Amino acid sequence: MTSGRDQKELTGVSLLGNKTKYPTDYAPEVLEAFINKHPSNDYFVKFNCPEFTSLCPMTGQPDFAAIYISYVPDQKLVESKSLKLYLFSFRNHG
């Protein structure tokens, strides 16, 4: 496996390597996480989403934003493809 992780370490990660189904509405269930191989090391994980879109809950018009996420993982890390799909799920959500 090119990721350096075996199947046991990727338990709960189902989106990688599979055809992507894009959610049409808010979908928190798409978020996945995997075990941190180095929980005793402090390091930053950064994720940038410069083109976030959602619907304004008041007007129904599109809203645009840039989202920057930085965190120091503990026991698990958020899988980035699932995070992208989660953020995409706001596209039609007010």
PDB file of N, CA and C in Angstrom:
ATOM      1  N   MET A   1       0.857  -1.181   0.000  1.00  0.00           N
ATOM      2  CA  MET A   1       0.000   0.000   0.000  1.00  0.00           C
ATOM      3  C   MET A   1       0.902   1.243   0.000  1.00  0.00           C
ATOM      4  N   THR A   2       0.669   2.188  -0.869  1.00  0.00           N
ATOM      5  CA  THR A   2       1.543   3.345  -1.002  1.00  0.00           C
ATOM      6  C   THR A   2       1.415   4.350   0.127  1.00  0.00           C
ATOM      7  N   SER A   3       0.350   4.293   0.898  1.00  0.00           N
ATOM      8  CA  SER A   3       0.149   5.267   1.966  1.00  0.00           C
ATOM      9  C   SER A   3       0.989   4.976   3.202  1.00  0.00           C
ATOM     10  N   GLY A   4       1.607   3.782   3.248  1.00  0.00           N
ATOM     11  CA  GLY A   4       2.355   3.410   4.427  1.00  0.00           C
ATOM     12  C   GLY A   4       1.460   2.917   5.561  1.00  0.00           C
ATOM     13  N   ARG A   5       0.223   2.631   5.266  1.00  0.00           N
ATOM     14  CA  ARG A   5      -0.725   2.158   6.278  1.00  0.00           C
ATOM     15  C   ARG A   5      -1.291   0.823   5.826  1.00  0.00           C
ATOM     16  N   ASP A   6      -1.507  -0.067   6.774  1.00  0.00           N
ATOM     17  CA  ASP A   6      -2.121  -1.341   6.433  1.00  0.00           C
ATOM     18  C   ASP A   6      -3.638  -1.235   6.604  1.00  0.00           C
ATOM     19  N   GLN A   7      -4.337  -2.289   6.226  1.00  0.00           N
ATOM     20  CA  GLN A   7      -5.805  -2.280   6.282  1.00  0.00           C
ATOM     21  C   GLN A   7      -6.327  -2.047   7.684  1.00  0.00           C
ATOM     22  N   LYS A   8      -5.665  -2.593   8.695  1.00  0.00           N
ATOM     23  CA  LYS A   8      -6.114  -2.406  10.069  1.00  0.00           C
ATOM     24  C   LYS A   8      -6.071  -0.929  10.454  1.00  0.00           C
ATOM     25  N   GLU A   9      -5.014  -0.230  10.025  1.00  0.00           N
ATOM     26  CA  GLU A   9      -4.877   1.193  10.349  1.00  0.00           C
ATOM     27  C   GLU A   9      -5.903   2.045   9.615  1.00  0.00           C
ATOM     28  N   LEU A  10      -6.415   1.536   8.506  1.00  0.00           N
ATOM     29  CA  LEU A  10      -7.402   2.292   7.730  1.00  0.00           C
ATOM     30  C   LEU A  10      -8.834   1.850   8.017  1.00  0.00           C
ATOM     31  N   THR A  11      -9.048   1.151   9.112  1.00  0.00           N
ATOM     32  CA  THR A  11     -10.394   0.749   9.513  1.00  0.00           C
ATOM     33  C   THR A  11     -11.255   1.999   9.684  1.00  0.00           C
ATOM     34  N   GLY A  12     -12.412   1.995   9.055  1.00  0.00           N
ATOM     35  CA  GLY A  12     -13.319   3.141   9.141  1.00  0.00           C
ATOM     36  C   GLY A  12     -13.148   4.136   8.008  1.00  0.00           C
ATOM     37  N   VAL A  13     -12.133   3.950   7.178  1.00  0.00           N
ATOM     38  CA  VAL A  13     -11.908   4.829   6.027  1.00  0.00           C
ATOM     39  C   VAL A  13     -12.397   4.084   4.798  1.00  0.00           C
ATOM     40  N   SER A  14     -13.484   4.546   4.210  1.00  0.00           N
ATOM     41  CA  SER A  14     -14.101   3.816   3.099  1.00  0.00           C
ATOM     42  C   SER A  14     -14.102   4.584   1.781  1.00  0.00           C
ATOM     43  N   LEU A  15     -13.772   5.866   1.807  1.00  0.00           N
ATOM     44  CA  LEU A  15     -13.894   6.691   0.607  1.00  0.00           C
ATOM     45  C   LEU A  15     -12.676   6.629  -0.310  1.00  0.00           C
ATOM     46  N   LEU A  16     -11.503   6.330   0.250  1.00  0.00           N
ATOM     47  CA  LEU A  16     -10.289   6.307  -0.559  1.00  0.00           C
ATOM     48  C   LEU A  16     -10.338   5.172  -1.570  1.00  0.00           C
ATOM     49  N   GLY A  17      -9.998   5.482  -2.827  1.00  0.00           N
ATOM     50  CA  GLY A  17      -9.934   4.461  -3.865  1.00  0.00           C
ATOM     51  C   GLY A  17     -11.270   4.044  -4.421  1.00  0.00           C
ATOM     52  N   ASN A  18     -12.338   4.661  -3.983  1.00  0.00           N
ATOM     53  CA  ASN A  18     -13.671   4.313  -4.474  1.00  0.00           C
ATOM     54  C   ASN A  18     -14.274   5.485  -5.232  1.00  0.00           C
ATOM     55  N   LYS A  19     -15.182   5.166  -6.156  1.00  0.00           N
ATOM     56  CA  LYS A  19     -15.872   6.216  -6.902  1.00  0.00           C
ATOM     57  C   LYS A  19     -16.625   7.114  -5.925  1.00  0.00           C
ATOM     58  N   THR A  20     -16.522   8.407  -6.136  1.00  0.00           N
ATOM     59  CA  THR A  20     -17.087   9.374  -5.200  1.00  0.00           C
ATOM     60  C   THR A  20     -18.549   9.666  -5.513  1.00  0.00           C
ATOM     61  N   LYS A  21     -19.390   9.554  -4.493  1.00  0.00           N
ATOM     62  CA  LYS A  21     -20.781   9.998  -4.583  1.00  0.00           C
ATOM     63  C   LYS A  21     -20.857  11.321  -3.825  1.00  0.00           C
ATOM     64  N   TYR A  22     -21.212  12.379  -4.522  1.00  0.00           N
ATOM     65  CA  TYR A  22     -21.268  13.698  -3.895  1.00  0.00           C
ATOM     66  C   TYR A  22     -22.608  13.901  -3.208  1.00  0.00           C
ATOM     67  N   PRO A  23     -22.572  14.312  -1.942  1.00  0.00           N
ATOM     68  CA  PRO A  23     -23.834  14.535  -1.218  1.00  0.00           C
ATOM     69  C   PRO A  23     -24.584  15.726  -1.807  1.00  0.00           C
ATOM     70  N   THR A  24     -25.908  15.641  -1.793  1.00  0.00           N
ATOM     71  CA  THR A  24     -26.716  16.747  -2.311  1.00  0.00           C
ATOM     72  C   THR A  24     -27.241  17.644  -1.204  1.00  0.00           C
ATOM     73  N   ASP A  25     -27.054  17.247   0.055  1.00  0.00           N
ATOM     74  CA  ASP A  25     -27.453  18.072   1.186  1.00  0.00           C
ATOM     75  C   ASP A  25     -26.493  17.794   2.334  1.00  0.00           C
ATOM     76  N   TYR A  26     -26.627  18.552   3.400  1.00  0.00           N
ATOM     77  CA  TYR A  26     -25.743  18.457   4.552  1.00  0.00           C
ATOM     78  C   TYR A  26     -25.542  16.997   4.958  1.00  0.00           C
ATOM     79  N   ALA A  27     -24.262  16.552   5.040  1.00  0.00           N
ATOM     80  CA  ALA A  27     -23.976  15.131   5.271  1.00  0.00           C
ATOM     81  C   ALA A  27     -22.811  14.928   6.246  1.00  0.00           C
ATOM     82  N   PRO A  28     -23.053  15.126   7.557  1.00  0.00           N
ATOM     83  CA  PRO A  28     -21.967  14.922   8.517  1.00  0.00           C
ATOM     84  C   PRO A  28     -21.493  13.471   8.585  1.00  0.00           C
ATOM     85  N   GLU A  29     -22.312  12.542   8.106  1.00  0.00           N
ATOM     86  CA  GLU A  29     -21.945  11.125   8.165  1.00  0.00           C
ATOM     87  C   GLU A  29     -20.783  10.769   7.233  1.00  0.00           C
ATOM     88  N   VAL A  30     -20.413  11.657   6.311  1.00  0.00           N
ATOM     89  CA  VAL A  30     -19.300  11.352   5.409  1.00  0.00           C
ATOM     90  C   VAL A  30     -17.935  11.543   6.071  1.00  0.00           C
ATOM     91  N   LEU A  31     -17.886  12.231   7.209  1.00  0.00           N
ATOM     92  CA  LEU A  31     -16.598  12.446   7.877  1.00  0.00           C
ATOM     93  C   LEU A  31     -16.023  11.128   8.378  1.00  0.00           C
ATOM     94  N   GLU A  32     -14.750  10.911   8.070  1.00  0.00           N
ATOM     95  CA  GLU A  32     -14.055   9.715   8.502  1.00  0.00           C
ATOM     96  C   GLU A  32     -12.743  10.106   9.170  1.00  0.00           C
ATOM     97  N   ALA A  33     -12.230   9.235  10.001  1.00  0.00           N
ATOM     98  CA  ALA A  33     -10.960   9.484  10.689  1.00  0.00           C
ATOM     99  C   ALA A  33     -10.147   8.196  10.687  1.00  0.00           C
ATOM    100  N   PHE A  34      -8.846   8.349  10.873  1.00  0.00           N
ATOM    101  CA  PHE A  34      -7.980   7.183  10.964  1.00  0.00           C
ATOM    102  C   PHE A  34      -6.991   7.389  12.103  1.00  0.00           C
ATOM    103  N   ILE A  35      -6.391   6.312  12.547  1.00  0.00           N
ATOM    104  CA  ILE A  35      -5.512   6.323  13.713  1.00  0.00           C
ATOM    105  C   ILE A  35      -4.220   7.081  13.407  1.00  0.00           C
ATOM    106  N   ASN A  36      -3.820   7.920  14.344  1.00  0.00           N
ATOM    107  CA  ASN A  36      -2.564   8.658  14.259  1.00  0.00           C
ATOM    108  C   ASN A  36      -1.423   7.701  14.601  1.00  0.00           C
ATOM    109  N   LYS A  37      -0.495   7.497  13.658  1.00  0.00           N
ATOM    110  CA  LYS A  37       0.623   6.587  13.899  1.00  0.00           C
ATOM    111  C   LYS A  37       1.642   7.151  14.895  1.00  0.00           C
ATOM    112  N   HIS A  38       1.588   8.467  15.119  1.00  0.00           N
ATOM    113  CA  HIS A  38       2.557   9.123  15.995  1.00  0.00           C
ATOM    114  C   HIS A  38       1.859  10.058  16.980  1.00  0.00           C
ATOM    115  N   PRO A  39       1.005   9.533  17.861  1.00  0.00           N
ATOM    116  CA  PRO A  39       0.250  10.404  18.764  1.00  0.00           C
ATOM    117  C   PRO A  39       1.117  11.133  19.790  1.00  0.00           C
ATOM    118  N   SER A  40       2.325  10.666  20.024  1.00  0.00           N
ATOM    119  CA  SER A  40       3.196  11.341  21.001  1.00  0.00           C
ATOM    120  C   SER A  40       3.942  12.532  20.396  1.00  0.00           C
ATOM    121  N   ASN A  41       3.882  12.668  19.065  1.00  0.00           N
ATOM    122  CA  ASN A  41       4.518  13.811  18.399  1.00  0.00           C
ATOM    123  C   ASN A  41       3.492  14.907  18.146  1.00  0.00           C
ATOM    124  N   ASP A  42       3.845  16.138  18.477  1.00  0.00           N
ATOM    125  CA  ASP A  42       2.976  17.272  18.158  1.00  0.00           C
ATOM    126  C   ASP A  42       3.348  17.808  16.784  1.00  0.00           C
ATOM    127  N   TYR A  43       2.379  17.883  15.900  1.00  0.00           N
ATOM    128  CA  TYR A  43       2.582  18.452  14.566  1.00  0.00           C
ATOM    129  C   TYR A  43       1.256  19.008  14.077  1.00  0.00           C
ATOM    130  N   PHE A  44       1.338  19.962  13.164  1.00  0.00           N
ATOM    131  CA  PHE A  44       0.136  20.592  12.625  1.00  0.00           C
ATOM    132  C   PHE A  44      -0.340  19.843  11.393  1.00  0.00           C
ATOM    133  N   VAL A  45      -1.646  19.690  11.296  1.00  0.00           N
ATOM    134  CA  VAL A  45      -2.289  19.243  10.075  1.00  0.00           C
ATOM    135  C   VAL A  45      -3.051  20.456   9.569  1.00  0.00           C
ATOM    136  N   LYS A  46      -2.844  20.799   8.301  1.00  0.00           N
ATOM    137  CA  LYS A  46      -3.505  21.975   7.736  1.00  0.00           C
ATOM    138  C   LYS A  46      -4.348  21.560   6.545  1.00  0.00           C
ATOM    139  N   PHE A  47      -5.504  22.168   6.449  1.00  0.00           N
ATOM    140  CA  PHE A  47      -6.413  21.931   5.334  1.00  0.00           C
ATOM    141  C   PHE A  47      -7.000  23.273   4.930  1.00  0.00           C
ATOM    142  N   ASN A  48      -6.877  23.619   3.653  1.00  0.00           N
ATOM    143  CA  ASN A  48      -7.399  24.887   3.144  1.00  0.00           C
ATOM    144  C   ASN A  48      -8.517  24.614   2.140  1.00  0.00           C
ATOM    145  N   CYS A  49      -9.601  25.336   2.298  1.00  0.00           N
ATOM    146  CA  CYS A  49     -10.721  25.265   1.356  1.00  0.00           C
ATOM    147  C   CYS A  49     -11.029  26.695   0.922  1.00  0.00           C
ATOM    148  N   PRO A  50     -10.356  27.188  -0.138  1.00  0.00           N
ATOM    149  CA  PRO A  50     -10.523  28.579  -0.539  1.00  0.00           C
ATOM    150  C   PRO A  50     -11.827  28.868  -1.280  1.00  0.00           C
ATOM    151  N   GLU A  51     -12.590  27.837  -1.637  1.00  0.00           N
ATOM    152  CA  GLU A  51     -13.806  28.046  -2.427  1.00  0.00           C
ATOM    153  C   GLU A  51     -15.028  27.387  -1.789  1.00  0.00           C
ATOM    154  N   PHE A  52     -15.212  27.606  -0.488  1.00  0.00           N
ATOM    155  CA  PHE A  52     -16.370  27.056   0.219  1.00  0.00           C
ATOM    156  C   PHE A  52     -17.624  27.788  -0.223  1.00  0.00           C
ATOM    157  N   THR A  53     -18.703  27.047  -0.478  1.00  0.00           N
ATOM    158  CA  THR A  53     -19.988  27.668  -0.824  1.00  0.00           C
ATOM    159  C   THR A  53     -21.098  27.021   0.002  1.00  0.00           C
ATOM    160  N   SER A  54     -22.088  27.826   0.310  1.00  0.00           N
ATOM    161  CA  SER A  54     -23.294  27.362   0.982  1.00  0.00           C
ATOM    162  C   SER A  54     -24.416  28.309   0.586  1.00  0.00           C
ATOM    163  N   LEU A  55     -25.581  28.071   1.121  1.00  0.00           N
ATOM    164  CA  LEU A  55     -26.706  28.971   0.855  1.00  0.00           C
ATOM    165  C   LEU A  55     -26.973  29.821   2.087  1.00  0.00           C
ATOM    166  N   CYS A  56     -27.231  31.094   1.872  1.00  0.00           N
ATOM    167  CA  CYS A  56     -27.573  31.984   2.969  1.00  0.00           C
ATOM    168  C   CYS A  56     -28.907  31.514   3.563  1.00  0.00           C
ATOM    169  N   PRO A  57     -28.969  31.290   4.870  1.00  0.00           N
ATOM    170  CA  PRO A  57     -30.221  30.817   5.465  1.00  0.00           C
ATOM    171  C   PRO A  57     -31.335  31.860   5.433  1.00  0.00           C
ATOM    172  N   MET A  58     -30.972  33.138   5.252  1.00  0.00           N
ATOM    173  CA  MET A  58     -31.994  34.190   5.214  1.00  0.00           C
ATOM    174  C   MET A  58     -32.535  34.421   3.806  1.00  0.00           C
ATOM    175  N   THR A  59     -31.630  34.482   2.818  1.00  0.00           N
ATOM    176  CA  THR A  59     -32.048  34.856   1.464  1.00  0.00           C
ATOM    177  C   THR A  59     -32.072  33.695   0.481  1.00  0.00           C
ATOM    178  N   GLY A  60     -31.389  32.609   0.806  1.00  0.00           N
ATOM    179  CA  GLY A  60     -31.291  31.492  -0.131  1.00  0.00           C
ATOM    180  C   GLY A  60     -30.262  31.725  -1.220  1.00  0.00           C
ATOM    181  N   GLN A  61     -29.600  32.870  -1.175  1.00  0.00           N
ATOM    182  CA  GLN A  61     -28.568  33.194  -2.171  1.00  0.00           C
ATOM    183  C   GLN A  61     -27.263  32.484  -1.809  1.00  0.00           C
ATOM    184  N   PRO A  62     -26.400  32.255  -2.806  1.00  0.00           N
ATOM    185  CA  PRO A  62     -25.119  31.609  -2.513  1.00  0.00           C
ATOM    186  C   PRO A  62     -24.234  32.476  -1.627  1.00  0.00           C
ATOM    187  N   ASP A  63     -23.570  31.844  -0.677  1.00  0.00           N
ATOM    188  CA  ASP A  63     -22.553  32.484   0.155  1.00  0.00           C
ATOM    189  C   ASP A  63     -21.218  31.832  -0.174  1.00  0.00           C
ATOM    190  N   PHE A  64     -20.166  32.631  -0.127  1.00  0.00           N
ATOM    191  CA  PHE A  64     -18.830  32.145  -0.440  1.00  0.00           C
ATOM    192  C   PHE A  64     -17.911  32.447   0.727  1.00  0.00           C
ATOM    193  N   ALA A  65     -16.957  31.561   0.967  1.00  0.00           N
ATOM    194  CA  ALA A  65     -16.019  31.769   2.063  1.00  0.00           C
ATOM    195  C   ALA A  65     -14.729  31.013   1.774  1.00  0.00           C
ATOM    196  N   ALA A  66     -13.716  31.354   2.527  1.00  0.00           N
ATOM    197  CA  ALA A  66     -12.475  30.588   2.553  1.00  0.00           C
ATOM    198  C   ALA A  66     -12.354  30.014   3.960  1.00  0.00           C
ATOM    199  N   ILE A  67     -12.114  28.713   4.044  1.00  0.00           N
ATOM    200  CA  ILE A  67     -11.986  28.045   5.333  1.00  0.00           C
ATOM    201  C   ILE A  67     -10.566  27.493   5.446  1.00  0.00           C
ATOM    202  N   TYR A  68      -9.930  27.815   6.571  1.00  0.00           N
ATOM    203  CA  TYR A  68      -8.580  27.326   6.846  1.00  0.00           C
ATOM    204  C   TYR A  68      -8.624  26.570   8.171  1.00  0.00           C
ATOM    205  N   ILE A  69      -8.278  25.301   8.127  1.00  0.00           N
ATOM    206  CA  ILE A  69      -8.303  24.456   9.319  1.00  0.00           C
ATOM    207  C   ILE A  69      -6.875  24.038   9.646  1.00  0.00           C
ATOM    208  N   SER A  70      -6.475  24.257  10.887  1.00  0.00           N
ATOM    209  CA  SER A  70      -5.181  23.787  11.393  1.00  0.00           C
ATOM    210  C   SER A  70      -5.440  23.142  12.744  1.00  0.00           C
ATOM    211  N   TYR A  71      -4.879  21.964  12.938  1.00  0.00           N
ATOM    212  CA  TYR A  71      -5.046  21.311  14.235  1.00  0.00           C
ATOM    213  C   TYR A  71      -3.846  20.418  14.530  1.00  0.00           C
ATOM    214  N   VAL A  72      -3.661  20.137  15.800  1.00  0.00           N
ATOM    215  CA  VAL A  72      -2.649  19.188  16.258  1.00  0.00           C
ATOM    216  C   VAL A  72      -3.411  17.920  16.622  1.00  0.00           C
ATOM    217  N   PRO A  73      -3.230  16.838  15.862  1.00  0.00           N
ATOM    218  CA  PRO A  73      -4.004  15.629  16.122  1.00  0.00           C
ATOM    219  C   PRO A  73      -3.568  14.930  17.401  1.00  0.00           C
ATOM    220  N   ASP A  74      -4.525  14.214  17.990  1.00  0.00           N
ATOM    221  CA  ASP A  74      -4.229  13.404  19.167  1.00  0.00           C
ATOM    222  C   ASP A  74      -4.230  11.942  18.722  1.00  0.00           C
ATOM    223  N   GLN A  75      -5.295  11.221  18.978  1.00  0.00           N
ATOM    224  CA  GLN A  75      -5.351   9.791  18.663  1.00  0.00           C
ATOM    225  C   GLN A  75      -5.756   9.505  17.214  1.00  0.00           C
ATOM    226  N   LYS A  76      -6.499  10.430  16.605  1.00  0.00           N
ATOM    227  CA  LYS A  76      -6.971  10.236  15.231  1.00  0.00           C
ATOM    228  C   LYS A  76      -6.775  11.494  14.404  1.00  0.00           C
ATOM    229  N   LEU A  77      -6.791  11.315  13.082  1.00  0.00           N
ATOM    230  CA  LEU A  77      -6.737  12.420  12.127  1.00  0.00           C
ATOM    231  C   LEU A  77      -7.982  12.353  11.250  1.00  0.00           C
ATOM    232  N   VAL A  78      -8.435  13.499  10.788  1.00  0.00           N
ATOM    233  CA  VAL A  78      -9.565  13.548   9.865  1.00  0.00           C
ATOM    234  C   VAL A  78      -9.044  13.196   8.471  1.00  0.00           C
ATOM    235  N   GLU A  79      -9.725  12.291   7.800  1.00  0.00           N
ATOM    236  CA  GLU A  79      -9.339  11.901   6.451  1.00  0.00           C
ATOM    237  C   GLU A  79      -9.734  13.026   5.501  1.00  0.00           C
ATOM    238  N   SER A  80      -8.802  13.510   4.690  1.00  0.00           N
ATOM    239  CA  SER A  80      -9.023  14.747   3.926  1.00  0.00           C
ATOM    240  C   SER A  80     -10.102  14.626   2.844  1.00  0.00           C
ATOM    241  N   LYS A  81     -10.223  13.482   2.169  1.00  0.00           N
ATOM    242  CA  LYS A  81     -11.269  13.355   1.159  1.00  0.00           C
ATOM    243  C   LYS A  81     -12.640  13.458   1.811  1.00  0.00           C
ATOM    244  N   SER A  82     -12.794  12.837   2.976  1.00  0.00           N
ATOM    245  CA  SER A  82     -14.088  12.912   3.656  1.00  0.00           C
ATOM    246  C   SER A  82     -14.373  14.338   4.120  1.00  0.00           C
ATOM    247  N   LEU A  83     -13.336  15.076   4.514  1.00  0.00           N
ATOM    248  CA  LEU A  83     -13.524  16.473   4.911  1.00  0.00           C
ATOM    249  C   LEU A  83     -13.952  17.320   3.718  1.00  0.00           C
ATOM    250  N   LYS A  84     -13.354  17.082   2.560  1.00  0.00           N
ATOM    251  CA  LYS A  84     -13.758  17.801   1.340  1.00  0.00           C
ATOM    252  C   LYS A  84     -15.223  17.530   1.019  1.00  0.00           C
ATOM    253  N   LEU A  85     -15.640  16.258   1.114  1.00  0.00           N
ATOM    254  CA  LEU A  85     -17.039  15.912   0.839  1.00  0.00           C
ATOM    255  C   LEU A  85     -17.977  16.524   1.866  1.00  0.00           C
ATOM    256  N   TYR A  86     -17.546  16.562   3.121  1.00  0.00           N
ATOM    257  CA  TYR A  86     -18.354  17.190   4.171  1.00  0.00           C
ATOM    258  C   TYR A  86     -18.560  18.673   3.864  1.00  0.00           C
ATOM    259  N   LEU A  87     -17.485  19.378   3.535  1.00  0.00           N
ATOM    260  CA  LEU A  87     -17.606  20.801   3.211  1.00  0.00           C
ATOM    261  C   LEU A  87     -18.446  21.008   1.952  1.00  0.00           C
ATOM    262  N   PHE A  88     -18.306  20.114   0.977  1.00  0.00           N
ATOM    263  CA  PHE A  88     -19.110  20.189  -0.243  1.00  0.00           C
ATOM    264  C   PHE A  88     -20.592  20.018   0.072  1.00  0.00           C
ATOM    265  N   SER A  89     -20.904  19.258   1.127  1.00  0.00           N
ATOM    266  CA  SER A  89     -22.309  18.998   1.457  1.00  0.00           C
ATOM    267  C   SER A  89     -23.067  20.253   1.882  1.00  0.00           C
ATOM    268  N   PHE A  90     -22.357  21.319   2.191  1.00  0.00           N
ATOM    269  CA  PHE A  90     -23.013  22.584   2.554  1.00  0.00           C
ATOM    270  C   PHE A  90     -23.475  23.357   1.321  1.00  0.00           C
ATOM    271  N   ARG A  91     -23.064  22.950   0.144  1.00  0.00           N
ATOM    272  CA  ARG A  91     -23.330  23.697  -1.079  1.00  0.00           C
ATOM    273  C   ARG A  91     -24.812  24.043  -1.260  1.00  0.00           C
ATOM    274  N   ASN A  92     -25.691  23.106  -0.943  1.00  0.00           N
ATOM    275  CA  ASN A  92     -27.136  23.339  -1.089  1.00  0.00           C
ATOM    276  C   ASN A  92     -27.837  23.449   0.242  1.00  0.00           C
ATOM    277  N   HIS A  93     -27.090  23.759   1.287  1.00  0.00           N
ATOM    278  CA  HIS A  93     -27.639  23.804   2.647  1.00  0.00           C
ATOM    279  C   HIS A  93     -27.678  25.246   3.146  1.00  0.00           C
ATOM    280  N   GLY A  94     -28.776  25.629   3.748  1.00  0.00           N
ATOM    281  CA  GLY A  94     -28.908  26.977   4.269  1.00  0.00           C
ATOM    282  C   GLY A  94     -28.512  27.086   5.724  1.00  0.00           C
TER     283      GLY A  94
END
